[in-house]
Amino acid sequence: MTDLIGIGIKDIIDIVLVATLLFYIYKLMKESRSANLFMGLLVFVISWLLVSQVFEMRLLGGIFDKLINVGSLALIVLFQEEIRSFFASIGQQRKSVFVNWFRRAKEEDKVHRSDIMPIVMACMSMGKQKVGALIVIERDVHLNDIVATGENVDAVVSQRLIENIFFKNSPLHDGAMVISKKRIKAAGCILPVSHDNDIPKALGLRHRAGLGISQTSDCIAIIVSEETGGISIAQNGQFHLRLSAEELESRLSDAFENK
């Protein structure tokens, strides 16, 4: 019973621990927007194991071995921030680490209609006055690196505060606002600009920045055009242009219900 078809209890525990570790690393990479890099690395490691251990290809296996040896140092450089976050998260946990890994989102973190409406009303008001705005709403992928580029706000989301931040004479109106967990985390943030050649030329830098952040994370970027007053959303690397208040509310609600 302890050794069923060549697999013992120790082997099962080993597999479960490795799977748990890989899951946590993937979750950490996803939050830091490095999930694609992690998946590419995982495919490379699996290929190396197949070539070296299963098929025993000496020449190709030797090349992979050299790449693995050199790549270890490269990985430390590439993932230095993630590695630091990994050990920091372990050291700072007061509860069991394994419990926190699989902890479900708390009820108070869920986004409701009352949380969305101040954003919708502020965008409609700014659209009528042709006040340009760029609002990024964080979802599962953390935007801590984006927040760090702006000014810390950490305030409750309200229509008046959003409009004041994007007021034309405000020092923060040119940057992006980041909303996370129902709070305005920062304003005046710098976003990566998309270089997609398919973007209509009529759309300006705000739209390119909104599309850029939506291509590297699962966030929702709301853009209010300063030229036309039109309201658009960038999500999953795609634009949804000229939205009405009802359409904006509906898309935001759907995005957080399907989170």
Protein backbone atom coordinates (compact mmCIF):
# COMPACT_ATOMS: atom_id res chain seq x y z
CA MET A 1 0.00 0.00 0.00
CA THR A 2 2.86 2.37 0.73
CA ASP A 3 4.40 1.66 -2.66
CA LEU A 4 1.70 1.66 -5.33
CA ILE A 5 3.03 1.02 -8.88
CA GLY A 6 6.45 2.30 -7.93
CA ILE A 7 5.25 5.56 -6.36
CA GLY A 8 5.54 5.85 -2.60
CA ILE A 9 4.02 8.27 -0.13
CA LYS A 10 7.26 10.26 -0.08
CA ASP A 11 7.06 10.70 -3.86
CA ILE A 12 3.46 11.94 -3.63
CA ILE A 13 4.43 14.46 -0.92
CA ASP A 14 7.36 15.55 -3.08
CA ILE A 15 5.10 16.14 -6.10
CA VAL A 16 2.53 18.07 -4.03
CA LEU A 17 5.23 20.32 -2.53
CA VAL A 18 6.77 21.05 -5.95
CA ALA A 19 3.32 21.80 -7.41
CA THR A 20 2.55 24.11 -4.48
CA LEU A 21 5.86 25.93 -4.91
CA LEU A 22 5.31 26.36 -8.66
CA PHE A 23 1.78 27.64 -8.04
CA TYR A 24 2.97 30.25 -5.56
CA ILE A 25 5.83 31.36 -7.83
CA TYR A 26 3.40 31.69 -10.76
CA LYS A 27 0.99 33.70 -8.60
CA LEU A 28 3.84 36.00 -7.54
CA MET A 29 4.98 36.45 -11.14
CA LYS A 30 1.43 37.17 -12.28
CA GLU A 31 1.06 39.89 -9.67
CA SER A 32 4.32 41.47 -10.84
CA ARG A 33 3.38 41.14 -14.54
CA SER A 34 6.13 38.56 -15.19
CA ALA A 35 3.84 35.58 -15.81
CA ASN A 36 4.78 35.23 -19.49
CA LEU A 37 8.47 35.21 -18.61
CA PHE A 38 7.86 32.56 -15.96
CA MET A 39 5.89 30.36 -18.38
CA GLY A 40 8.67 30.62 -20.96
CA LEU A 41 11.21 29.63 -18.32
CA LEU A 42 9.05 26.68 -17.24
CA VAL A 43 8.79 25.42 -20.83
CA PHE A 44 12.58 25.67 -21.19
CA VAL A 45 13.19 23.70 -17.98
CA ILE A 46 10.73 20.96 -19.02
CA SER A 47 12.42 20.74 -22.42
CA TRP A 48 15.82 20.43 -20.72
CA LEU A 49 14.58 17.61 -18.49
CA LEU A 50 13.09 15.73 -21.45
CA VAL A 51 16.23 16.09 -23.57
CA SER A 52 18.72 15.28 -20.79
CA GLN A 53 16.89 12.81 -18.58
CA VAL A 54 14.24 11.09 -20.72
CA PHE A 55 15.66 10.94 -24.26
CA GLU A 56 19.32 11.23 -23.14
CA MET A 57 20.42 13.30 -26.12
CA ARG A 58 24.06 13.99 -25.32
CA LEU A 59 24.81 16.85 -27.73
CA LEU A 60 21.59 18.81 -27.27
CA GLY A 61 21.54 17.92 -23.59
CA GLY A 62 25.07 19.30 -23.19
CA ILE A 63 24.02 22.59 -24.78
CA PHE A 64 21.03 22.81 -22.46
CA ASP A 65 23.26 22.05 -19.46
CA LYS A 66 25.56 24.95 -20.34
CA LEU A 67 22.60 27.29 -20.79
CA ILE A 68 21.18 26.24 -17.43
CA ASN A 69 24.50 26.90 -15.67
CA VAL A 70 24.90 30.34 -17.21
CA GLY A 71 21.18 31.11 -16.95
CA SER A 72 21.13 30.75 -13.16
CA LEU A 73 22.94 34.07 -12.75
CA ALA A 74 20.76 35.69 -15.41
CA LEU A 75 17.62 34.59 -13.55
CA ILE A 76 18.80 36.24 -10.35
CA VAL A 77 19.22 39.51 -12.27
CA LEU A 78 15.88 39.20 -14.11
CA PHE A 79 13.83 38.25 -11.06
CA GLN A 80 15.66 40.13 -8.30
CA GLU A 81 12.56 42.13 -7.34
CA GLU A 82 10.35 39.01 -7.38
CA ILE A 83 12.87 37.04 -5.32
CA ARG A 84 13.01 39.85 -2.77
CA SER A 85 9.20 39.97 -2.62
CA PHE A 86 9.06 36.20 -2.24
CA PHE A 87 11.23 36.12 0.88
CA ALA A 88 9.74 39.33 2.26
CA SER A 89 6.23 37.90 2.00
CA ILE A 90 7.33 34.80 3.91
CA GLY A 91 8.99 36.81 6.66
CA GLN A 92 6.12 39.24 7.10
CA GLN A 93 3.32 36.70 7.36
CA ARG A 94 1.91 36.44 10.87
CA LYS A 95 -0.35 33.56 9.99
CA SER A 96 0.53 30.28 8.38
CA VAL A 97 2.14 30.85 4.97
CA PHE A 98 0.17 28.01 3.38
CA VAL A 99 -3.13 29.43 4.65
CA ASN A 100 -2.37 32.84 3.13
CA TRP A 101 -1.31 31.35 -0.22
CA PHE A 102 -4.79 29.95 -0.78
CA ARG A 103 -6.77 32.62 1.04
CA ARG A 104 -9.87 33.77 -0.80
CA ALA A 105 -10.61 37.42 -1.43
CA LYS A 106 -12.49 39.03 1.43
CA GLU A 107 -16.04 40.18 0.98
CA GLU A 108 -15.11 43.81 1.63
CA ASP A 109 -12.67 43.75 -1.31
CA LYS A 110 -15.43 43.00 -3.83
CA VAL A 111 -16.42 45.87 -6.10
CA HIS A 112 -20.10 46.84 -6.12
CA ARG A 113 -22.17 49.27 -8.20
CA SER A 114 -21.81 51.96 -5.52
CA ASP A 115 -18.04 51.78 -5.95
CA ILE A 116 -18.23 52.16 -9.74
CA MET A 117 -20.72 55.03 -9.98
CA PRO A 118 -18.40 57.81 -8.66
CA ILE A 119 -15.91 56.89 -11.41
CA VAL A 120 -18.63 56.83 -14.08
CA MET A 121 -20.12 60.16 -12.96
CA ALA A 122 -16.68 61.81 -12.80
CA CYS A 123 -15.82 60.61 -16.32
CA MET A 124 -19.13 61.85 -17.74
CA SER A 125 -18.67 65.24 -16.07
CA MET A 126 -15.08 65.58 -17.32
CA GLY A 127 -16.18 64.47 -20.79
CA LYS A 128 -18.76 67.26 -20.98
CA GLN A 129 -16.13 69.81 -19.97
CA LYS A 130 -13.48 68.20 -22.26
CA VAL A 131 -11.10 67.63 -19.38
CA GLY A 132 -8.57 64.92 -20.24
CA ALA A 133 -8.22 62.02 -17.81
CA LEU A 134 -6.60 58.61 -17.54
CA ILE A 135 -7.81 56.27 -14.79
CA VAL A 136 -6.34 52.79 -14.27
CA ILE A 137 -8.32 50.32 -12.16
CA GLU A 138 -6.23 47.48 -10.76
CA ARG A 139 -7.61 43.94 -10.81
CA ASP A 140 -5.61 40.78 -10.07
CA VAL A 141 -2.21 41.92 -11.36
CA HIS A 142 -0.61 44.35 -8.94
CA LEU A 143 0.51 47.76 -10.22
CA ASN A 144 2.91 48.68 -7.43
CA ASP A 145 5.63 49.69 -9.89
CA ILE A 146 3.20 52.07 -11.62
CA VAL A 147 1.99 53.51 -8.29
CA ALA A 148 5.61 54.20 -7.34
CA THR A 149 6.01 56.56 -10.31
CA GLY A 150 3.29 58.94 -9.07
CA GLU A 151 2.23 60.83 -5.96
CA ASN A 152 0.69 58.82 -3.13
CA VAL A 153 -2.95 59.71 -2.47
CA ASP A 154 -4.55 56.74 -0.65
CA ALA A 155 -8.04 58.21 -0.47
CA VAL A 156 -11.61 57.00 -0.82
CA VAL A 157 -12.89 57.10 -4.39
CA SER A 158 -15.20 60.07 -4.91
CA GLN A 159 -16.42 61.98 -7.93
CA ARG A 160 -15.27 65.36 -6.60
CA LEU A 161 -11.75 64.14 -5.79
CA ILE A 162 -11.32 62.57 -9.24
CA GLU A 163 -12.43 65.76 -10.96
CA ASN A 164 -10.15 67.91 -8.77
CA ILE A 165 -7.11 65.76 -9.55
CA PHE A 166 -7.71 66.02 -13.32
CA PHE A 167 -8.61 69.71 -13.24
CA LYS A 168 -6.53 71.47 -15.91
CA ASN A 169 -4.59 73.58 -13.41
CA SER A 170 -3.85 70.63 -11.12
CA PRO A 171 -0.18 69.52 -11.07
CA LEU A 172 -1.29 65.87 -11.33
CA HIS A 173 -3.71 66.15 -14.25
CA ASP A 174 -1.22 64.99 -16.91
CA GLY A 175 -0.45 61.60 -15.34
CA ALA A 176 -2.59 58.55 -14.67
CA MET A 177 -4.64 57.82 -11.57
CA VAL A 178 -4.43 54.30 -10.12
CA ILE A 179 -7.41 52.89 -8.22
CA SER A 180 -6.84 49.72 -6.19
CA LYS A 181 -9.15 47.96 -3.73
CA LYS A 182 -11.73 50.73 -3.88
CA ARG A 183 -9.20 53.46 -3.02
CA ILE A 184 -7.32 56.02 -5.09
CA LYS A 185 -3.75 54.86 -4.51
CA ALA A 186 -1.81 57.41 -6.54
CA ALA A 187 -2.06 60.11 -9.20
CA GLY A 188 0.33 61.57 -11.74
CA CYS A 189 1.62 58.07 -12.54
CA ILE A 190 3.65 57.23 -15.65
CA LEU A 191 2.38 54.38 -17.84
CA PRO A 192 4.14 52.36 -20.55
CA VAL A 193 3.13 53.65 -23.97
CA SER A 194 1.92 51.19 -26.59
CA HIS A 195 3.77 51.25 -29.92
CA ASP A 196 1.05 49.33 -31.74
CA ASN A 197 0.88 50.61 -35.32
CA ASP A 198 -2.84 49.79 -35.56
CA ILE A 199 -3.85 52.55 -33.14
CA PRO A 200 -5.90 55.20 -35.00
CA LYS A 201 -3.89 58.38 -35.50
CA ALA A 202 -6.76 60.43 -34.11
CA LEU A 203 -6.07 58.94 -30.66
CA GLY A 204 -3.46 60.73 -28.56
CA LEU A 205 -0.84 59.86 -25.96
CA ARG A 206 -3.39 59.15 -23.22
CA HIS A 207 -4.97 56.45 -25.37
CA ARG A 208 -1.57 54.94 -26.18
CA ALA A 209 -0.66 54.89 -22.49
CA GLY A 210 -4.00 53.33 -21.57
CA LEU A 211 -3.57 50.64 -24.21
CA GLY A 212 0.04 50.06 -23.11
CA ILE A 213 -0.85 49.26 -19.50
CA SER A 214 -3.75 47.04 -20.61
CA GLN A 215 -1.31 44.99 -22.71
CA THR A 216 0.95 44.24 -19.75
CA SER A 217 -1.66 43.62 -17.04
CA ASP A 218 -5.33 42.72 -16.59
CA CYS A 219 -6.28 46.24 -15.46
CA ILE A 220 -8.94 48.47 -16.97
CA ALA A 221 -7.83 51.88 -18.27
CA ILE A 222 -10.47 54.59 -18.71
CA ILE A 223 -9.52 57.43 -21.03
CA VAL A 224 -11.36 60.76 -21.31
CA SER A 225 -10.33 62.65 -24.44
CA GLU A 226 -9.35 66.28 -23.97
CA GLU A 227 -10.09 67.04 -27.65
CA THR A 228 -13.51 65.39 -28.08
CA GLY A 229 -14.66 64.59 -24.54
CA GLY A 230 -15.22 61.00 -25.63
CA ILE A 231 -14.85 58.22 -23.09
CA SER A 232 -12.99 55.03 -23.96
CA ILE A 233 -11.80 51.87 -22.22
CA ALA A 234 -8.61 49.92 -22.89
CA GLN A 235 -8.80 46.31 -21.71
CA ASN A 236 -6.80 43.22 -22.70
CA GLY A 237 -4.96 45.24 -25.34
CA GLN A 238 -8.17 46.40 -27.06
CA PHE A 239 -10.06 49.69 -27.24
CA HIS A 240 -13.77 50.24 -26.63
CA LEU A 241 -14.38 53.76 -27.92
CA ARG A 242 -17.09 56.41 -27.50
CA LEU A 243 -18.89 54.83 -24.56
CA SER A 244 -22.04 56.20 -22.99
CA ALA A 245 -22.51 56.30 -19.21
CA GLU A 246 -24.57 53.10 -19.33
CA GLU A 247 -21.98 51.30 -21.46
CA LEU A 248 -19.14 52.41 -19.20
CA GLU A 249 -20.96 51.24 -16.09
CA SER A 250 -21.88 47.94 -17.74
CA ARG A 251 -18.32 47.18 -18.86
CA LEU A 252 -16.86 48.01 -15.46
CA SER A 253 -19.47 45.89 -13.70
CA ASP A 254 -18.89 42.94 -16.02
CA ALA A 255 -15.12 43.17 -15.61
CA PHE A 256 -15.26 42.93 -11.83
CA GLU A 257 -18.04 40.33 -11.71
CA ASN A 258 -15.91 38.07 -13.94
CA LYS A 259 -12.73 38.78 -12.01
